[in-house]
C-alpha cells in the first residue's frame, strides 16, 4: 500500500512542477478558463493596503503587468508597492468581500 501511495505522489510531481506562472494579462484575457482554479501569478504590486475585518487582518492589492488583477491575501503578508511579487491562490472572476465585489481576483487563504 505504501508503494502505491508513493507512486501516485511521484506521478503527480511533474504536473505540479510544470505548472506555469501566469501574468495578470493572461488571466484578464480569458478569465473564465481560470475561474475557481489555483493559479500562480507574477506581477508588480500596487495599492497595497491592510484591513481589519471580521475574518481578521487581510491584505489587498493589485498585481499588474499591462493589466491588473486584485489579490485578497488572508495571510496578510506585507508587500511593497512597486515590488515584483509571485502569489498562489484561487482565481475568481467575481469575488464578494464584506464591503464590495471584486472582478478578476486571486484569493490567498491562510
PDB file of N, CA and C in Angstrom:
ATOM      1  N   UNK A   1       0.829  -1.196   0.000  1.00  0.00           N
ATOM      2  CA  UNK A   1       0.000   0.000   0.000  1.00  0.00           C
ATOM      3  C   UNK A   1       0.870   1.256   0.000  1.00  0.00           C
ATOM      4  N   UNK A   2       1.930   1.256   0.790  1.00  0.00           N
ATOM      5  CA  UNK A   2       2.814   2.420   0.834  1.00  0.00           C
ATOM      6  C   UNK A   2       3.435   2.699  -0.527  1.00  0.00           C
ATOM      7  N   UNK A   3       3.842   1.645  -1.215  1.00  0.00           N
ATOM      8  CA  UNK A   3       4.445   1.819  -2.535  1.00  0.00           C
ATOM      9  C   UNK A   3       3.439   2.428  -3.507  1.00  0.00           C
ATOM     10  N   UNK A   4       2.198   2.023  -3.403  1.00  0.00           N
ATOM     11  CA  UNK A   4       1.147   2.543  -4.270  1.00  0.00           C
ATOM     12  C   UNK A   4       0.961   4.044  -4.046  1.00  0.00           C
ATOM     13  N   UNK A   5       0.872   4.455  -2.798  1.00  0.00           N
ATOM     14  CA  UNK A   5       0.708   5.873  -2.465  1.00  0.00           C
ATOM     15  C   UNK A   5       1.933   6.653  -2.921  1.00  0.00           C
ATOM     16  N   UNK A   6       3.104   6.122  -2.671  1.00  0.00           N
ATOM     17  CA  UNK A   6       4.348   6.771  -3.088  1.00  0.00           C
ATOM     18  C   UNK A   6       4.385   6.947  -4.604  1.00  0.00           C
ATOM     19  N   UNK A   7       3.955   5.946  -5.344  1.00  0.00           N
ATOM     20  CA  UNK A   7       3.935   6.016  -6.802  1.00  0.00           C
ATOM     21  C   UNK A   7       2.972   7.108  -7.280  1.00  0.00           C
ATOM     22  N   UNK A   8       1.843   7.243  -6.632  1.00  0.00           N
ATOM     23  CA  UNK A   8       0.870   8.283  -7.006  1.00  0.00           C
ATOM     24  C   UNK A   8       1.456   9.665  -6.756  1.00  0.00           C
ATOM     25  N   UNK A   9       2.117   9.835  -5.619  1.00  0.00           N
ATOM     26  CA  UNK A   9       2.737  11.122  -5.295  1.00  0.00           C
ATOM     27  C   UNK A   9       3.817  11.456  -6.325  1.00  0.00           C
ATOM     28  N   UNK A  10       4.650  10.489  -6.650  1.00  0.00           N
ATOM     29  CA  UNK A  10       5.699  10.719  -7.650  1.00  0.00           C
ATOM     30  C   UNK A  10       5.114  11.055  -9.014  1.00  0.00           C
ATOM     31  N   UNK A  11       4.032  10.431  -9.377  1.00  0.00           N
ATOM     32  CA  UNK A  11       3.401  10.693 -10.667  1.00  0.00           C
ATOM     33  C   UNK A  11       2.840  12.110 -10.725  1.00  0.00           C
ATOM     34  N   UNK A  12       2.397  12.635  -9.607  1.00  0.00           N
ATOM     35  CA  UNK A  12       1.812  13.977  -9.574  1.00  0.00           C
ATOM     36  C   UNK A  12       2.874  15.078  -9.582  1.00  0.00           C
ATOM     37  N   UNK A  13       4.078  14.791  -9.145  1.00  0.00           N
ATOM     38  CA  UNK A  13       5.105  15.820  -9.046  1.00  0.00           C
ATOM     39  C   UNK A  13       5.425  16.508 -10.368  1.00  0.00           C
ATOM     40  N   UNK A  14       5.595  15.797 -11.474  1.00  0.00           N
ATOM     41  CA  UNK A  14       5.879  16.517 -12.719  1.00  0.00           C
ATOM     42  C   UNK A  14       4.794  17.508 -13.104  1.00  0.00           C
ATOM     43  N   UNK A  15       3.552  17.170 -12.889  1.00  0.00           N
ATOM     44  CA  UNK A  15       2.455  18.090 -13.225  1.00  0.00           C
ATOM     45  C   UNK A  15       2.525  19.340 -12.360  1.00  0.00           C
ATOM     46  N   UNK A  16       2.847  19.164 -11.092  1.00  0.00           N
ATOM     47  CA  UNK A  16       2.972  20.307 -10.192  1.00  0.00           C
ATOM     48  C   UNK A  16       4.166  21.158 -10.594  1.00  0.00           C
ATOM     49  N   UNK A  17       5.285  20.505 -10.882  1.00  0.00           N
ATOM     50  CA  UNK A  17       6.497  21.229 -11.243  1.00  0.00           C
ATOM     51  C   UNK A  17       6.338  21.990 -12.553  1.00  0.00           C
ATOM     52  N   UNK A  18       5.516  21.497 -13.462  1.00  0.00           N
ATOM     53  CA  UNK A  18       5.345  22.124 -14.760  1.00  0.00           C
ATOM     54  C   UNK A  18       4.279  23.213 -14.778  1.00  0.00           C
ATOM     55  N   UNK A  19       3.586  23.416 -13.672  1.00  0.00           N
ATOM     56  CA  UNK A  19       2.558  24.445 -13.633  1.00  0.00           C
ATOM     57  C   UNK A  19       3.209  25.801 -13.897  1.00  0.00           C
ATOM     58  N   UNK A  20       2.744  26.478 -14.919  1.00  0.00           N
ATOM     59  CA  UNK A  20       3.352  27.727 -15.350  1.00  0.00           C
ATOM     60  C   UNK A  20       2.911  28.892 -14.471  1.00  0.00           C
ATOM     61  N   UNK A  21       3.811  29.819 -14.286  1.00  0.00           N
ATOM     62  CA  UNK A  21       3.476  31.068 -13.623  1.00  0.00           C
ATOM     63  C   UNK A  21       2.822  31.959 -14.669  1.00  0.00           C
ATOM     64  N   UNK A  22       1.663  32.485 -14.326  1.00  0.00           N
ATOM     65  CA  UNK A  22       0.883  33.311 -15.248  1.00  0.00           C
ATOM     66  C   UNK A  22       1.144  34.787 -14.995  1.00  0.00           C
ATOM     67  N   UNK A  23       0.695  35.607 -15.920  1.00  0.00           N
ATOM     68  CA  UNK A  23       0.724  37.056 -15.746  1.00  0.00           C
ATOM     69  C   UNK A  23      -0.701  37.545 -15.552  1.00  0.00           C
ATOM     70  N   UNK A  24      -0.868  38.727 -14.957  1.00  0.00           N
ATOM     71  CA  UNK A  24      -2.218  39.279 -14.849  1.00  0.00           C
ATOM     72  C   UNK A  24      -2.906  39.408 -16.208  1.00  0.00           C
ATOM     73  N   UNK A  25      -2.162  39.780 -17.244  1.00  0.00           N
ATOM     74  CA  UNK A  25      -2.748  39.920 -18.595  1.00  0.00           C
ATOM     75  C   UNK A  25      -3.319  38.609 -19.104  1.00  0.00           C
ATOM     76  N   UNK A  26      -2.639  37.501 -18.795  1.00  0.00           N
ATOM     77  CA  UNK A  26      -3.116  36.186 -19.225  1.00  0.00           C
ATOM     78  C   UNK A  26      -4.464  35.881 -18.583  1.00  0.00           C
ATOM     79  N   UNK A  27      -4.596  36.167 -17.293  1.00  0.00           N
ATOM     80  CA  UNK A  27      -5.857  35.914 -16.588  1.00  0.00           C
ATOM     81  C   UNK A  27      -6.978  36.813 -17.106  1.00  0.00           C
ATOM     82  N   UNK A  28      -6.676  38.078 -17.305  1.00  0.00           N
ATOM     83  CA  UNK A  28      -7.693  39.034 -17.771  1.00  0.00           C
ATOM     84  C   UNK A  28      -8.142  38.707 -19.194  1.00  0.00           C
ATOM     85  N   UNK A  29      -7.248  38.163 -20.014  1.00  0.00           N
ATOM     86  CA  UNK A  29      -7.592  37.840 -21.405  1.00  0.00           C
ATOM     87  C   UNK A  29      -8.613  36.721 -21.518  1.00  0.00           C
ATOM     88  N   UNK A  30      -8.623  35.790 -20.567  1.00  0.00           N
ATOM     89  CA  UNK A  30      -9.542  34.659 -20.631  1.00  0.00           C
ATOM     90  C   UNK A  30      -9.916  34.202 -19.212  1.00  0.00           C
ATOM     91  N   UNK A  31     -10.570  35.065 -18.443  1.00  0.00           N
ATOM     92  CA  UNK A  31     -10.815  34.767 -17.028  1.00  0.00           C
ATOM     93  C   UNK A  31     -11.653  33.519 -16.778  1.00  0.00           C
ATOM     94  N   UNK A  32     -12.619  33.230 -17.620  1.00  0.00           N
ATOM     95  CA  UNK A  32     -13.499  32.089 -17.354  1.00  0.00           C
ATOM     96  C   UNK A  32     -12.753  30.754 -17.376  1.00  0.00           C
ATOM     97  N   UNK A  33     -11.644  30.678 -18.108  1.00  0.00           N
ATOM     98  CA  UNK A  33     -10.908  29.409 -18.158  1.00  0.00           C
ATOM     99  C   UNK A  33     -10.115  29.147 -16.881  1.00  0.00           C
ATOM    100  N   UNK A  34      -9.949  30.167 -16.032  1.00  0.00           N
ATOM    101  CA  UNK A  34      -9.207  30.003 -14.778  1.00  0.00           C
ATOM    102  C   UNK A  34     -10.102  30.066 -13.543  1.00  0.00           C
ATOM    103  N   UNK A  35     -11.381  30.399 -13.727  1.00  0.00           N
ATOM    104  CA  UNK A  35     -12.298  30.598 -12.599  1.00  0.00           C
ATOM    105  C   UNK A  35     -12.354  29.371 -11.695  1.00  0.00           C
ATOM    106  N   UNK A  36     -12.096  29.581 -10.401  1.00  0.00           N
ATOM    107  CA  UNK A  36     -12.160  28.509  -9.416  1.00  0.00           C
ATOM    108  C   UNK A  36     -10.914  27.640  -9.355  1.00  0.00           C
ATOM    109  N   UNK A  37      -9.900  27.960 -10.140  1.00  0.00           N
ATOM    110  CA  UNK A  37      -8.681  27.153 -10.180  1.00  0.00           C
ATOM    111  C   UNK A  37      -7.550  27.823  -9.402  1.00  0.00           C
ATOM    112  N   UNK A  38      -6.672  27.008  -8.855  1.00  0.00           N
ATOM    113  CA  UNK A  38      -5.485  27.534  -8.194  1.00  0.00           C
ATOM    114  C   UNK A  38      -4.489  27.955  -9.257  1.00  0.00           C
ATOM    115  N   UNK A  39      -4.010  29.194  -9.136  1.00  0.00           N
ATOM    116  CA  UNK A  39      -3.074  29.755 -10.102  1.00  0.00           C
ATOM    117  C   UNK A  39      -1.884  30.378  -9.377  1.00  0.00           C
ATOM    118  N   UNK A  40      -0.780  30.475 -10.077  1.00  0.00           N
ATOM    119  CA  UNK A  40       0.382  31.221  -9.604  1.00  0.00           C
ATOM    120  C   UNK A  40       0.581  32.366 -10.581  1.00  0.00           C
ATOM    121  N   UNK A  41       0.654  33.578 -10.034  1.00  0.00           N
ATOM    122  CA  UNK A  41       0.698  34.780 -10.859  1.00  0.00           C
ATOM    123  C   UNK A  41       1.848  35.677 -10.406  1.00  0.00           C
ATOM    124  N   UNK A  42       2.550  36.255 -11.378  1.00  0.00           N
ATOM    125  CA  UNK A  42       3.633  37.183 -11.063  1.00  0.00           C
ATOM    126  C   UNK A  42       3.346  38.529 -11.693  1.00  0.00           C
ATOM    127  N   UNK A  43       3.612  39.591 -10.941  1.00  0.00           N
ATOM    128  CA  UNK A  43       3.416  40.940 -11.443  1.00  0.00           C
ATOM    129  C   UNK A  43       3.986  41.953 -10.472  1.00  0.00           C
ATOM    130  N   UNK A  44       3.639  43.208 -10.699  1.00  0.00           N
ATOM    131  CA  UNK A  44       4.101  44.313  -9.867  1.00  0.00           C
ATOM    132  C   UNK A  44       2.990  44.726  -8.909  1.00  0.00           C
ATOM    133  N   UNK A  45       3.343  44.884  -7.637  1.00  0.00           N
ATOM    134  CA  UNK A  45       2.380  45.249  -6.592  1.00  0.00           C
ATOM    135  C   UNK A  45       2.048  46.731  -6.668  1.00  0.00           C
ATOM    136  N   UNK A  46       0.751  47.041  -6.576  1.00  0.00           N
ATOM    137  CA  UNK A  46       0.327  48.439  -6.441  1.00  0.00           C
ATOM    138  C   UNK A  46      -0.866  48.519  -5.509  1.00  0.00           C
ATOM    139  N   UNK A  47      -1.028  49.682  -4.901  1.00  0.00           N
ATOM    140  CA  UNK A  47      -2.155  49.966  -3.998  1.00  0.00           C
ATOM    141  C   UNK A  47      -2.246  48.995  -2.830  1.00  0.00           C
ATOM    142  N   UNK A  48      -1.113  48.604  -2.254  1.00  0.00           N
ATOM    143  CA  UNK A  48      -1.122  47.683  -1.118  1.00  0.00           C
ATOM    144  C   UNK A  48      -1.783  48.345   0.094  1.00  0.00           C
ATOM    145  N   UNK A  49      -2.651  47.584   0.752  1.00  0.00           N
ATOM    146  CA  UNK A  49      -3.283  48.054   1.988  1.00  0.00           C
ATOM    147  C   UNK A  49      -3.698  46.860   2.839  1.00  0.00           C
ATOM    148  N   UNK A  50      -3.854  47.097   4.120  1.00  0.00           N
ATOM    149  CA  UNK A  50      -4.370  46.061   5.010  1.00  0.00           C
ATOM    150  C   UNK A  50      -5.638  46.575   5.668  1.00  0.00           C
ATOM    151  N   UNK A  51      -6.499  45.642   6.037  1.00  0.00           N
ATOM    152  CA  UNK A  51      -7.755  45.981   6.708  1.00  0.00           C
ATOM    153  C   UNK A  51      -8.009  44.971   7.808  1.00  0.00           C
ATOM    154  N   UNK A  52      -8.590  45.445   8.892  1.00  0.00           N
ATOM    155  CA  UNK A  52      -9.059  44.545   9.936  1.00  0.00           C
ATOM    156  C   UNK A  52     -10.517  44.244   9.637  1.00  0.00           C
ATOM    157  N   UNK A  53     -10.808  42.961   9.445  1.00  0.00           N
ATOM    158  CA  UNK A  53     -12.160  42.539   9.087  1.00  0.00           C
ATOM    159  C   UNK A  53     -12.654  41.533  10.119  1.00  0.00           C
ATOM    160  N   UNK A  54     -13.874  41.067   9.929  1.00  0.00           N
ATOM    161  CA  UNK A  54     -14.404  40.026  10.802  1.00  0.00           C
ATOM    162  C   UNK A  54     -13.598  38.734  10.672  1.00  0.00           C
ATOM    163  N   UNK A  55     -12.892  38.575   9.534  1.00  0.00           N
ATOM    164  CA  UNK A  55     -12.051  37.403   9.304  1.00  0.00           C
ATOM    165  C   UNK A  55     -10.647  37.598   9.873  1.00  0.00           C
ATOM    166  N   UNK A  56     -10.370  38.764  10.460  1.00  0.00           N
ATOM    167  CA  UNK A  56      -9.034  39.100  10.935  1.00  0.00           C
ATOM    168  C   UNK A  56      -8.385  40.083   9.982  1.00  0.00           C
ATOM    169  N   UNK A  57      -7.075  40.250  10.113  1.00  0.00           N
ATOM    170  CA  UNK A  57      -6.341  41.176   9.264  1.00  0.00           C
ATOM    171  C   UNK A  57      -6.182  40.571   7.865  1.00  0.00           C
ATOM    172  N   UNK A  58      -6.503  41.363   6.853  1.00  0.00           N
ATOM    173  CA  UNK A  58      -6.446  40.925   5.456  1.00  0.00           C
ATOM    174  C   UNK A  58      -5.690  41.985   4.657  1.00  0.00           C
ATOM    175  N   UNK A  59      -4.822  41.540   3.759  1.00  0.00           N
ATOM    176  CA  UNK A  59      -4.127  42.462   2.857  1.00  0.00           C
ATOM    177  C   UNK A  59      -4.810  42.429   1.501  1.00  0.00           C
ATOM    178  N   UNK A  60      -4.814  43.548   0.844  1.00  0.00           N
ATOM    179  CA  UNK A  60      -5.365  43.629  -0.506  1.00  0.00           C
ATOM    180  C   UNK A  60      -4.473  44.507  -1.358  1.00  0.00           C
ATOM    181  N   UNK A  61      -4.337  44.143  -2.616  1.00  0.00           N
ATOM    182  CA  UNK A  61      -3.535  44.939  -3.536  1.00  0.00           C
ATOM    183  C   UNK A  61      -3.843  44.535  -4.962  1.00  0.00           C
ATOM    184  N   UNK A  62      -3.311  45.288  -5.892  1.00  0.00           N
ATOM    185  CA  UNK A  62      -3.390  44.925  -7.291  1.00  0.00           C
ATOM    186  C   UNK A  62      -2.052  44.314  -7.685  1.00  0.00           C
ATOM    187  N   UNK A  63      -2.111  43.337  -8.575  1.00  0.00           N
ATOM    188  CA  UNK A  63      -0.919  42.731  -9.144  1.00  0.00           C
ATOM    189  C   UNK A  63      -1.007  43.001 -10.638  1.00  0.00           C
ATOM    190  N   UNK A  64       0.000  43.684 -11.189  1.00  0.00           N
ATOM    191  CA  UNK A  64      -0.128  44.213 -12.546  1.00  0.00           C
ATOM    192  C   UNK A  64       1.066  43.864 -13.438  1.00  0.00           C
ATOM    193  N   UNK A  65       0.784  43.790 -14.734  1.00  0.00           N
ATOM    194  CA  UNK A  65       1.765  43.929 -15.802  1.00  0.00           C
ATOM    195  C   UNK A  65       1.136  45.008 -16.687  1.00  0.00           C
ATOM    196  N   UNK A  66       0.699  44.709 -17.890  1.00  0.00           N
ATOM    197  CA  UNK A  66      -0.049  45.709 -18.658  1.00  0.00           C
ATOM    198  C   UNK A  66      -1.521  45.745 -18.240  1.00  0.00           C
ATOM    199  N   UNK A  67      -1.985  44.723 -17.514  1.00  0.00           N
ATOM    200  CA  UNK A  67      -3.325  44.642 -16.920  1.00  0.00           C
ATOM    201  C   UNK A  67      -3.159  44.355 -15.435  1.00  0.00           C
ATOM    202  N   UNK A  68      -4.220  44.524 -14.673  1.00  0.00           N
ATOM    203  CA  UNK A  68      -4.163  44.278 -13.231  1.00  0.00           C
ATOM    204  C   UNK A  68      -5.247  43.306 -12.789  1.00  0.00           C
ATOM    205  N   UNK A  69      -4.934  42.554 -11.754  1.00  0.00           N
ATOM    206  CA  UNK A  69      -5.911  41.736 -11.045  1.00  0.00           C
ATOM    207  C   UNK A  69      -5.885  42.163  -9.584  1.00  0.00           C
ATOM    208  N   UNK A  70      -6.909  41.802  -8.848  1.00  0.00           N
ATOM    209  CA  UNK A  70      -6.982  42.085  -7.419  1.00  0.00           C
ATOM    210  C   UNK A  70      -6.465  40.857  -6.671  1.00  0.00           C
ATOM    211  N   UNK A  71      -5.706  41.087  -5.606  1.00  0.00           N
ATOM    212  CA  UNK A  71      -5.270  40.000  -4.743  1.00  0.00           C
ATOM    213  C   UNK A  71      -5.825  40.261  -3.350  1.00  0.00           C
ATOM    214  N   UNK A  72      -6.539  39.275  -2.808  1.00  0.00           N
ATOM    215  CA  UNK A  72      -7.038  39.321  -1.437  1.00  0.00           C
ATOM    216  C   UNK A  72      -6.235  38.286  -0.677  1.00  0.00           C
ATOM    217  N   UNK A  73      -5.373  38.756   0.228  1.00  0.00           N
ATOM    218  CA  UNK A  73      -4.447  37.883   0.941  1.00  0.00           C
ATOM    219  C   UNK A  73      -4.879  37.752   2.397  1.00  0.00           C
ATOM    220  N   UNK A  74      -5.507  36.627   2.703  1.00  0.00           N
ATOM    221  CA  UNK A  74      -5.991  36.396   4.064  1.00  0.00           C
ATOM    222  C   UNK A  74      -4.863  36.075   5.042  1.00  0.00           C
ATOM    223  N   UNK A  75      -3.637  35.879   4.535  1.00  0.00           N
ATOM    224  CA  UNK A  75      -2.488  35.696   5.425  1.00  0.00           C
ATOM    225  C   UNK A  75      -1.919  37.049   5.837  1.00  0.00           C
ATOM    226  N   UNK A  76      -2.352  38.108   5.161  1.00  0.00           N
ATOM    227  CA  UNK A  76      -1.936  39.488   5.441  1.00  0.00           C
ATOM    228  C   UNK A  76      -0.428  39.683   5.319  1.00  0.00           C
ATOM    229  N   UNK A  77       0.202  38.970   4.385  1.00  0.00           N
ATOM    230  CA  UNK A  77       1.636  39.145   4.161  1.00  0.00           C
ATOM    231  C   UNK A  77       1.906  40.571   3.684  1.00  0.00           C
ATOM    232  N   UNK A  78       2.992  41.149   4.147  1.00  0.00           N
ATOM    233  CA  UNK A  78       3.350  42.510   3.775  1.00  0.00           C
ATOM    234  C   UNK A  78       3.978  42.531   2.389  1.00  0.00           C
ATOM    235  N   UNK A  79       3.589  43.486   1.585  1.00  0.00           N
ATOM    236  CA  UNK A  79       4.128  43.681   0.232  1.00  0.00           C
ATOM    237  C   UNK A  79       4.528  45.141   0.091  1.00  0.00           C
ATOM    238  N   UNK A  80       5.396  45.422  -0.858  1.00  0.00           N
ATOM    239  CA  UNK A  80       5.821  46.797  -1.122  1.00  0.00           C
ATOM    240  C   UNK A  80       5.342  47.228  -2.493  1.00  0.00           C
ATOM    241  N   UNK A  81       4.718  48.398  -2.560  1.00  0.00           N
ATOM    242  CA  UNK A  81       4.295  48.942  -3.847  1.00  0.00           C
ATOM    243  C   UNK A  81       5.508  49.066  -4.768  1.00  0.00           C
ATOM    244  N   UNK A  82       5.348  48.641  -6.009  1.00  0.00           N
ATOM    245  CA  UNK A  82       6.416  48.705  -6.990  1.00  0.00           C
ATOM    246  C   UNK A  82       7.293  47.465  -7.036  1.00  0.00           C
ATOM    247  N   UNK A  83       7.163  46.586  -6.040  1.00  0.00           N
ATOM    248  CA  UNK A  83       7.966  45.361  -5.999  1.00  0.00           C
ATOM    249  C   UNK A  83       7.323  44.280  -6.864  1.00  0.00           C
ATOM    250  N   UNK A  84       8.147  43.388  -7.367  1.00  0.00           N
ATOM    251  CA  UNK A  84       7.647  42.226  -8.084  1.00  0.00           C
ATOM    252  C   UNK A  84       7.240  41.180  -7.059  1.00  0.00           C
ATOM    253  N   UNK A  85       6.087  40.554  -7.275  1.00  0.00           N
ATOM    254  CA  UNK A  85       5.609  39.524  -6.356  1.00  0.00           C
ATOM    255  C   UNK A  85       5.030  38.362  -7.146  1.00  0.00           C
ATOM    256  N   UNK A  86       5.160  37.190  -6.574  1.00  0.00           N
ATOM    257  CA  UNK A  86       4.537  35.987  -7.114  1.00  0.00           C
ATOM    258  C   UNK A  86       3.600  35.463  -6.049  1.00  0.00           C
ATOM    259  N   UNK A  87       2.340  35.246  -6.408  1.00  0.00           N
ATOM    260  CA  UNK A  87       1.339  34.763  -5.459  1.00  0.00           C
ATOM    261  C   UNK A  87       0.671  33.511  -6.005  1.00  0.00           C
ATOM    262  N   UNK A  88       0.214  32.670  -5.087  1.00  0.00           N
ATOM    263  CA  UNK A  88      -0.546  31.480  -5.458  1.00  0.00           C
ATOM    264  C   UNK A  88      -1.834  31.478  -4.664  1.00  0.00           C
ATOM    265  N   UNK A  89      -2.946  31.336  -5.370  1.00  0.00           N
ATOM    266  CA  UNK A  89      -4.251  31.313  -4.731  1.00  0.00           C
ATOM    267  C   UNK A  89      -5.306  30.890  -5.730  1.00  0.00           C
ATOM    268  N   UNK A  90      -6.550  30.970  -5.305  1.00  0.00           N
ATOM    269  CA  UNK A  90      -7.666  30.582  -6.166  1.00  0.00           C
ATOM    270  C   UNK A  90      -8.171  31.825  -6.911  1.00  0.00           C
ATOM    271  N   UNK A  91      -8.278  31.679  -8.226  1.00  0.00           N
ATOM    272  CA  UNK A  91      -8.753  32.779  -9.065  1.00  0.00           C
ATOM    273  C   UNK A  91     -10.273  32.759  -9.143  1.00  0.00           C
ATOM    274  N   UNK A  92     -10.869  33.947  -9.024  1.00  0.00           N
ATOM    275  CA  UNK A  92     -12.323  34.108  -9.133  1.00  0.00           C
ATOM    276  C   UNK A  92     -12.618  35.232 -10.124  1.00  0.00           C
ATOM    277  N   UNK A  93     -13.498  34.970 -11.073  1.00  0.00           N
ATOM    278  CA  UNK A  93     -13.895  36.048 -11.982  1.00  0.00           C
ATOM    279  C   UNK A  93     -14.672  37.111 -11.221  1.00  0.00           C
ATOM    280  N   UNK A  94     -15.309  36.710 -10.115  1.00  0.00           N
ATOM    281  CA  UNK A  94     -16.021  37.638  -9.247  1.00  0.00           C
ATOM    282  C   UNK A  94     -15.885  37.151  -7.810  1.00  0.00           C
ATOM    283  N   UNK A  95     -15.394  38.020  -6.929  1.00  0.00           N
ATOM    284  CA  UNK A  95     -15.218  37.670  -5.521  1.00  0.00           C
ATOM    285  C   UNK A  95     -15.895  38.717  -4.662  1.00  0.00           C
ATOM    286  N   UNK A  96     -16.838  38.281  -3.819  1.00  0.00           N
ATOM    287  CA  UNK A  96     -17.565  39.210  -2.952  1.00  0.00           C
ATOM    288  C   UNK A  96     -16.899  39.302  -1.593  1.00  0.00           C
ATOM    289  N   UNK A  97     -16.368  40.473  -1.303  1.00  0.00           N
ATOM    290  CA  UNK A  97     -15.813  40.754   0.013  1.00  0.00           C
ATOM    291  C   UNK A  97     -16.897  41.330   0.899  1.00  0.00           C
ATOM    292  N   UNK A  98     -16.543  41.685   2.131  1.00  0.00           N
ATOM    293  CA  UNK A  98     -17.561  42.206   3.046  1.00  0.00           C
ATOM    294  C   UNK A  98     -18.140  43.563   2.630  1.00  0.00           C
ATOM    295  N   UNK A  99     -17.344  44.369   1.905  1.00  0.00           N
ATOM    296  CA  UNK A  99     -17.814  45.702   1.536  1.00  0.00           C
ATOM    297  C   UNK A  99     -18.078  45.887   0.052  1.00  0.00           C
ATOM    298  N   UNK A 100     -17.453  45.042  -0.787  1.00  0.00           N
ATOM    299  CA  UNK A 100     -17.642  45.187  -2.227  1.00  0.00           C
ATOM    300  C   UNK A 100     -17.282  43.908  -2.957  1.00  0.00           C
ATOM    301  N   UNK A 101     -17.631  43.870  -4.221  1.00  0.00           N
ATOM    302  CA  UNK A 101     -17.333  42.722  -5.073  1.00  0.00           C
ATOM    303  C   UNK A 101     -16.190  43.106  -6.009  1.00  0.00           C
ATOM    304  N   UNK A 102     -15.239  42.191  -6.137  1.00  0.00           N
ATOM    305  CA  UNK A 102     -14.066  42.422  -6.980  1.00  0.00           C
ATOM    306  C   UNK A 102     -14.138  41.537  -8.217  1.00  0.00           C
ATOM    307  N   UNK A 103     -13.720  42.090  -9.345  1.00  0.00           N
ATOM    308  CA  UNK A 103     -13.649  41.361 -10.594  1.00  0.00           C
ATOM    309  C   UNK A 103     -12.209  40.876 -10.791  1.00  0.00           C
ATOM    310  N   UNK A 104     -12.037  39.630 -11.242  1.00  0.00           N
ATOM    311  CA  UNK A 104     -10.715  39.058 -11.513  1.00  0.00           C
ATOM    312  C   UNK A 104      -9.806  39.139 -10.283  1.00  0.00           C
ATOM    313  N   UNK A 105     -10.102  38.308  -9.307  1.00  0.00           N
ATOM    314  CA  UNK A 105      -9.373  38.326  -8.038  1.00  0.00           C
ATOM    315  C   UNK A 105      -8.742  36.981  -7.724  1.00  0.00           C
ATOM    316  N   UNK A 106      -7.547  37.025  -7.162  1.00  0.00           N
ATOM    317  CA  UNK A 106      -6.897  35.835  -6.619  1.00  0.00           C
ATOM    318  C   UNK A 106      -7.008  35.929  -5.106  1.00  0.00           C
ATOM    319  N   UNK A 107      -7.511  34.875  -4.491  1.00  0.00           N
ATOM    320  CA  UNK A 107      -7.678  34.849  -3.039  1.00  0.00           C
ATOM    321  C   UNK A 107      -6.674  33.867  -2.458  1.00  0.00           C
ATOM    322  N   UNK A 108      -5.865  34.368  -1.534  1.00  0.00           N
ATOM    323  CA  UNK A 108      -4.874  33.558  -0.841  1.00  0.00           C
ATOM    324  C   UNK A 108      -5.425  33.243   0.541  1.00  0.00           C
ATOM    325  N   UNK A 109      -5.613  31.973   0.820  1.00  0.00           N
ATOM    326  CA  UNK A 109      -6.159  31.541   2.110  1.00  0.00           C
ATOM    327  C   UNK A 109      -5.044  31.386   3.146  1.00  0.00           C
ATOM    328  N   UNK A 110      -5.424  31.340   4.373  1.00  0.00           N
ATOM    329  CA  UNK A 110      -4.460  31.124   5.465  1.00  0.00           C
ATOM    330  C   UNK A 110      -3.856  29.773   5.390  1.00  0.00           C
TER     331      UNK A 110
END
